[in-house]
Amino acid sequence: MAQEFPHIRLEADGPLTWLILDRPQRLNAMNGALLDGLDAALDHLATDRATRVIAIRGAGRAFCAGYDIERDEEEIAGLAHRSVVEDRRRLERNVEIFMKAWRHPKPVIAAVHGYCMAGGTQLATLCDLTVVGENAQIGVPSIPVGGGYVSPMWVPLVGPKRAKQLSFQGGQRISGATAAEWGWANYAVPDDEVFDDVRALGHRIALTPPDVLSIKKAAVNRAADIAGWSTIMPLGAETDAFLHGTRSVRYLNEMILRDGLKETIRAFGAGEHQAGLDALQ
């Protein structure tokens, strides 16, 4: 457990290992380094004999605020020079990292508190179990700078109508209590009990022998895959790559580079972007 990973901390808790997203100053928003760290940490824990169950949580006051586009101007600017094929490969790589939780030989639990937005919901969706705080905020990006990278992943859990309800309007959120009611999460608990609940859950799961757990997980995953799970999960990467090339998304990305993310979100919410977008149609 002595290995270090970028923006990831591992904490041993008996048979449970906490995998902690550790960019609290950015609400654990995902950048390239954090994604690399998550990738490597999941690989490491697959062979760590002391770990029987993994629990993923965020440091500070949020699980994960999504992808860090405010501080990643190079990434936004790069969209103009990247082909659709190159963009799709990049986005599929992110999904493949999250799919490691789904395919992991050990049970993976998401402990969701505070904000769980955009890419954070992708990660939580692909954990085996998701426990949420009742007042956690779960939702989609505030401005439509993509083409549904996240929402297809929600469909198997909440159905197409609720996935569209969130996807069609920028910045839409639901509470943890609603997420549990809809079926996106297993259940909700009071906000200050999330970590204690997940710890107790993880320790109870760890009483089942590892080989039995691995086979049980593989059996459920196989049934889900027959129903289309593994086909649906990468679908958003393809759609997003196409949409990144549209004039509307390019216009919004130019606004972010020129005015900053917060001002672009404010202008979008006030409808001030509409004239510029209408001129592109």
Protein backbone atom coordinates (compact mmCIF):
# COMPACT_ATOMS: atom_id res chain seq x y z
CA MET A 1 0.00 0.00 0.00
CA ALA A 2 3.10 2.22 -0.05
CA GLN A 3 2.74 3.09 -3.73
CA GLU A 4 1.74 6.64 -4.64
CA PHE A 5 -0.57 7.69 -7.45
CA PRO A 6 -1.25 11.19 -8.82
CA HIS A 7 -4.17 12.83 -6.95
CA ILE A 8 -5.16 9.47 -5.44
CA ARG A 9 -4.72 8.33 -1.84
CA LEU A 10 -5.13 4.76 -0.67
CA GLU A 11 -6.05 4.11 2.95
CA ALA A 12 -6.19 0.60 4.39
CA ASP A 13 -9.11 -0.12 6.71
CA GLY A 14 -8.79 -3.81 7.46
CA PRO A 15 -10.08 -5.76 4.44
CA LEU A 16 -11.48 -2.53 2.97
CA THR A 17 -9.28 -0.09 1.06
CA TRP A 18 -10.43 3.49 0.57
CA LEU A 19 -9.48 4.89 -2.83
CA ILE A 20 -9.70 8.64 -2.30
CA LEU A 21 -9.92 11.17 -5.14
CA ASP A 22 -7.56 13.81 -3.78
CA ARG A 23 -8.00 17.21 -5.43
CA PRO A 24 -10.17 18.80 -2.74
CA GLN A 25 -9.30 22.34 -3.79
CA ARG A 26 -10.98 21.59 -7.14
CA LEU A 27 -13.80 19.48 -5.65
CA ASN A 28 -11.90 16.46 -7.02
CA ALA A 29 -12.58 17.48 -10.61
CA MET A 30 -10.83 15.10 -12.97
CA ASN A 31 -7.77 16.14 -14.93
CA GLY A 32 -5.37 13.90 -16.84
CA ALA A 33 -3.17 13.24 -13.83
CA LEU A 34 -6.08 12.15 -11.61
CA LEU A 35 -7.40 9.83 -14.31
CA ASP A 36 -3.93 8.32 -14.71
CA GLY A 37 -3.73 7.87 -10.94
CA LEU A 38 -7.15 6.22 -10.78
CA ASP A 39 -6.18 3.87 -13.61
CA ALA A 40 -2.95 2.81 -11.90
CA ALA A 41 -4.51 2.54 -8.43
CA LEU A 42 -7.27 0.20 -9.64
CA ASP A 43 -4.63 -2.00 -11.33
CA HIS A 44 -2.59 -2.05 -8.12
CA LEU A 45 -5.55 -3.02 -5.93
CA ALA A 46 -6.47 -5.89 -8.24
CA THR A 47 -3.38 -7.76 -7.03
CA ASP A 48 -3.18 -6.39 -3.47
CA ARG A 49 -3.91 -9.43 -1.28
CA ALA A 50 -4.87 -7.36 1.76
CA THR A 51 -7.70 -5.64 -0.12
CA ARG A 52 -10.98 -7.54 -0.37
CA VAL A 53 -13.30 -4.60 -1.02
CA ILE A 54 -12.63 -1.13 -2.50
CA ALA A 55 -14.55 2.00 -1.55
CA ILE A 56 -14.13 5.16 -3.66
CA ARG A 57 -14.77 8.56 -2.12
CA GLY A 58 -13.69 12.15 -2.58
CA ALA A 59 -11.51 14.22 -0.26
CA GLY A 60 -13.03 17.36 1.19
CA ARG A 61 -16.61 18.38 0.53
CA ALA A 62 -17.39 16.56 -2.73
CA PHE A 63 -17.18 13.19 -4.42
CA CYS A 64 -16.24 14.63 -7.82
CA ALA A 65 -17.28 17.80 -9.66
CA GLY A 66 -16.74 16.24 -13.09
CA TYR A 67 -14.03 17.06 -15.62
CA ASP A 68 -11.86 20.07 -14.83
CA ILE A 69 -12.45 22.22 -17.89
CA GLU A 70 -12.01 25.54 -16.08
CA ARG A 71 -8.30 24.92 -15.51
CA ASP A 72 -7.77 22.90 -18.69
CA GLU A 73 -7.73 25.58 -21.37
CA GLU A 74 -5.17 23.58 -23.34
CA GLU A 75 -7.68 20.73 -23.53
CA ILE A 76 -10.49 23.00 -24.74
CA ALA A 77 -8.25 24.68 -27.29
CA GLY A 78 -7.06 21.26 -28.46
CA LEU A 79 -10.55 20.33 -29.61
CA ALA A 80 -10.14 22.63 -32.59
CA HIS A 81 -7.10 20.68 -33.80
CA ARG A 82 -8.10 17.14 -32.89
CA SER A 83 -9.88 14.92 -35.41
CA VAL A 84 -13.14 13.20 -34.52
CA VAL A 85 -11.30 9.87 -34.45
CA GLU A 86 -8.61 11.20 -32.11
CA ASP A 87 -11.21 12.78 -29.87
CA ARG A 88 -13.21 9.57 -29.71
CA ARG A 89 -10.12 7.59 -28.71
CA ARG A 90 -9.40 10.07 -25.91
CA LEU A 91 -12.96 9.89 -24.57
CA GLU A 92 -13.10 6.10 -24.85
CA ARG A 93 -9.93 5.89 -22.80
CA ASN A 94 -11.67 7.70 -19.92
CA VAL A 95 -14.58 5.27 -20.05
CA GLU A 96 -12.17 2.35 -20.10
CA ILE A 97 -10.63 3.60 -16.85
CA PHE A 98 -14.08 3.72 -15.22
CA MET A 99 -14.90 0.29 -16.67
CA LYS A 100 -11.98 -1.07 -14.65
CA ALA A 101 -14.16 -0.61 -11.57
CA TRP A 102 -16.96 -2.58 -13.28
CA ARG A 103 -14.60 -5.37 -14.40
CA HIS A 104 -12.46 -5.31 -11.26
CA PRO A 105 -12.05 -8.72 -9.58
CA LYS A 106 -13.08 -7.15 -6.26
CA PRO A 107 -16.28 -5.35 -5.26
CA VAL A 108 -16.11 -1.58 -5.69
CA ILE A 109 -18.40 0.77 -3.73
CA ALA A 110 -18.89 4.48 -4.45
CA ALA A 111 -19.43 6.63 -1.34
CA VAL A 112 -21.02 9.78 -2.75
CA HIS A 113 -21.22 13.00 -0.75
CA GLY A 114 -21.49 16.64 -1.77
CA TYR A 115 -21.25 17.17 -5.52
CA CYS A 116 -21.18 14.28 -7.99
CA MET A 117 -21.35 15.87 -11.42
CA ALA A 118 -20.79 14.86 -15.03
CA GLY A 119 -17.71 12.58 -15.15
CA GLY A 120 -18.12 11.88 -11.45
CA THR A 121 -21.45 10.23 -12.22
CA GLN A 122 -19.75 8.06 -14.84
CA LEU A 123 -17.37 6.70 -12.24
CA ALA A 124 -20.12 6.15 -9.64
CA THR A 125 -22.35 4.44 -12.25
CA LEU A 126 -19.64 1.89 -12.99
CA CYS A 127 -19.01 0.98 -9.36
CA ASP A 128 -20.77 -2.17 -8.19
CA LEU A 129 -22.67 -0.37 -5.43
CA THR A 130 -23.38 3.32 -4.89
CA VAL A 131 -24.33 4.80 -1.52
CA VAL A 132 -25.27 8.50 -1.51
CA GLY A 133 -25.88 11.24 1.00
CA GLU A 134 -29.52 12.32 0.98
CA ASN A 135 -28.59 15.88 0.03
CA ALA A 136 -25.77 15.05 -2.39
CA GLN A 137 -26.06 16.93 -5.69
CA ILE A 138 -25.90 14.65 -8.72
CA GLY A 139 -26.17 15.95 -12.26
CA VAL A 140 -24.86 17.10 -15.62
CA PRO A 141 -22.59 19.95 -16.82
CA SER A 142 -23.92 23.51 -16.56
CA ILE A 143 -23.35 24.19 -20.25
CA PRO A 144 -23.80 21.77 -23.20
CA VAL A 145 -20.20 21.51 -24.36
CA GLY A 146 -20.63 17.83 -25.23
CA GLY A 147 -23.06 15.52 -26.92
CA GLY A 148 -24.27 13.25 -24.17
CA TYR A 149 -21.04 11.68 -22.95
CA VAL A 150 -22.66 11.03 -19.58
CA SER A 151 -26.39 10.53 -20.16
CA PRO A 152 -26.28 7.22 -22.11
CA MET A 153 -24.67 5.66 -19.03
CA TRP A 154 -27.69 6.66 -16.95
CA VAL A 155 -30.22 4.87 -19.18
CA PRO A 156 -29.81 1.30 -17.82
CA LEU A 157 -30.29 2.60 -14.27
CA VAL A 158 -33.00 5.29 -14.56
CA GLY A 159 -34.55 4.71 -18.00
CA PRO A 160 -34.49 6.89 -21.12
CA LYS A 161 -37.09 9.45 -20.01
CA ARG A 162 -35.27 10.39 -16.81
CA ALA A 163 -31.92 10.35 -18.61
CA LYS A 164 -33.36 12.85 -21.11
CA GLN A 165 -34.87 14.93 -18.30
CA LEU A 166 -31.36 15.52 -16.97
CA SER A 167 -29.56 15.71 -20.30
CA PHE A 168 -31.75 18.17 -22.20
CA GLN A 169 -31.23 21.07 -19.75
CA GLY A 170 -27.79 22.32 -18.73
CA GLY A 171 -26.94 22.13 -15.05
CA GLN A 172 -29.77 19.80 -14.06
CA ARG A 173 -29.33 18.08 -10.71
CA ILE A 174 -31.11 15.62 -8.48
CA SER A 175 -30.60 14.98 -4.78
CA GLY A 176 -29.10 11.80 -3.41
CA ALA A 177 -32.53 10.83 -2.08
CA THR A 178 -34.00 11.18 -5.59
CA ALA A 179 -31.05 9.29 -7.12
CA ALA A 180 -31.82 6.35 -4.84
CA GLU A 181 -35.54 6.57 -5.61
CA TRP A 182 -34.81 6.53 -9.34
CA GLY A 183 -32.45 3.55 -9.05
CA TRP A 184 -29.20 5.35 -9.90
CA ALA A 185 -27.93 4.64 -6.37
CA ASN A 186 -28.54 1.64 -4.14
CA TYR A 187 -29.75 3.75 -1.23
CA ALA A 188 -29.36 7.10 0.49
CA VAL A 189 -28.35 7.84 4.08
CA PRO A 190 -27.97 11.09 6.05
CA ASP A 191 -25.05 13.06 4.66
CA ASP A 192 -22.85 12.66 7.73
CA GLU A 193 -23.30 8.86 7.73
CA VAL A 194 -22.15 8.06 4.19
CA PHE A 195 -18.59 7.01 5.00
CA ASP A 196 -19.52 5.09 8.17
CA ASP A 197 -22.26 3.26 6.28
CA VAL A 198 -19.96 2.33 3.41
CA ARG A 199 -17.26 1.22 5.83
CA ALA A 200 -19.71 -1.11 7.60
CA LEU A 201 -21.05 -2.35 4.26
CA GLY A 202 -17.56 -3.04 2.95
CA HIS A 203 -16.58 -4.97 6.06
CA ARG A 204 -19.74 -7.10 5.85
CA ILE A 205 -19.07 -7.86 2.17
CA ALA A 206 -15.48 -8.79 3.02
CA LEU A 207 -16.76 -11.68 5.17
CA THR A 208 -17.65 -13.49 1.93
CA PRO A 209 -14.59 -15.36 0.59
CA PRO A 210 -12.79 -13.50 -2.23
CA ASP A 211 -13.19 -16.29 -4.77
CA VAL A 212 -16.93 -16.44 -4.11
CA LEU A 213 -17.23 -12.64 -4.41
CA SER A 214 -15.34 -12.66 -7.70
CA ILE A 215 -17.62 -15.29 -9.24
CA LYS A 216 -20.79 -13.60 -7.94
CA LYS A 217 -19.68 -10.29 -9.44
CA ALA A 218 -18.76 -11.90 -12.76
CA ALA A 219 -22.16 -13.62 -12.96
CA VAL A 220 -24.13 -10.39 -12.44
CA ASN A 221 -21.86 -8.50 -14.85
CA ARG A 222 -22.35 -11.15 -17.50
CA ALA A 223 -26.12 -10.88 -17.21
CA ALA A 224 -25.86 -7.08 -17.46
CA ASP A 225 -23.58 -7.37 -20.49
CA ILE A 226 -26.05 -9.65 -22.26
CA ALA A 227 -28.62 -6.89 -21.69
CA GLY A 228 -26.29 -4.45 -23.43
CA TRP A 229 -24.39 -2.81 -20.55
CA SER A 230 -20.92 -2.97 -22.13
CA THR A 231 -22.31 -1.69 -25.43
CA ILE A 232 -24.08 1.27 -23.82
CA MET A 233 -21.24 2.47 -21.58
CA PRO A 234 -18.82 3.58 -24.38
CA LEU A 235 -21.63 4.99 -26.55
CA GLY A 236 -21.35 8.52 -25.19
CA ALA A 237 -17.70 8.80 -26.26
CA GLU A 238 -18.66 8.42 -29.90
CA THR A 239 -21.55 10.89 -29.63
CA ASP A 240 -19.44 13.40 -27.74
CA ALA A 241 -16.66 13.28 -30.33
CA PHE A 242 -19.15 14.13 -33.08
CA LEU A 243 -20.72 16.96 -31.09
CA HIS A 244 -17.34 18.52 -30.24
CA GLY A 245 -17.06 19.30 -33.94
CA THR A 246 -20.37 21.16 -34.20
CA ARG A 247 -20.43 24.93 -34.57
CA SER A 248 -22.52 25.32 -31.40
CA VAL A 249 -20.07 23.49 -29.14
CA ARG A 250 -17.09 25.27 -30.71
CA TYR A 251 -18.83 28.59 -30.05
CA LEU A 252 -19.36 27.73 -26.37
CA ASN A 253 -15.75 26.55 -26.01
CA GLU A 254 -14.56 29.85 -27.50
CA MET A 255 -16.68 31.65 -24.89
CA ILE A 256 -14.98 29.66 -22.12
CA LEU A 257 -11.51 30.50 -23.45
CA ARG A 258 -12.40 34.18 -23.88
CA ASP A 259 -14.56 34.87 -20.82
CA GLY A 260 -13.81 32.04 -18.41
CA LEU A 261 -16.02 29.16 -17.30
CA LYS A 262 -17.95 30.98 -14.57
CA GLU A 263 -18.90 33.88 -16.82
CA THR A 264 -19.89 31.49 -19.62
CA ILE A 265 -22.13 29.55 -17.24
CA ARG A 266 -23.73 32.82 -16.08
CA ALA A 267 -24.27 34.03 -19.65
CA PHE A 268 -25.71 30.68 -20.71
CA GLY A 269 -28.14 30.65 -17.79
CA ALA A 270 -29.25 34.17 -18.67
CA GLY A 271 -29.72 33.30 -22.34
CA GLU A 272 -27.10 35.85 -23.45
CA HIS A 273 -25.44 33.27 -25.70
CA GLN A 274 -28.55 32.69 -27.78
CA ALA A 275 -28.08 35.38 -30.43
CA GLY A 276 -24.58 34.14 -31.21
CA LEU A 277 -25.73 30.52 -31.45
CA ASP A 278 -28.73 31.44 -33.59
CA ALA A 279 -26.43 33.12 -36.09
CA LEU A 280 -24.62 29.80 -36.57
CA GLN A 281 -27.73 27.82 -37.45
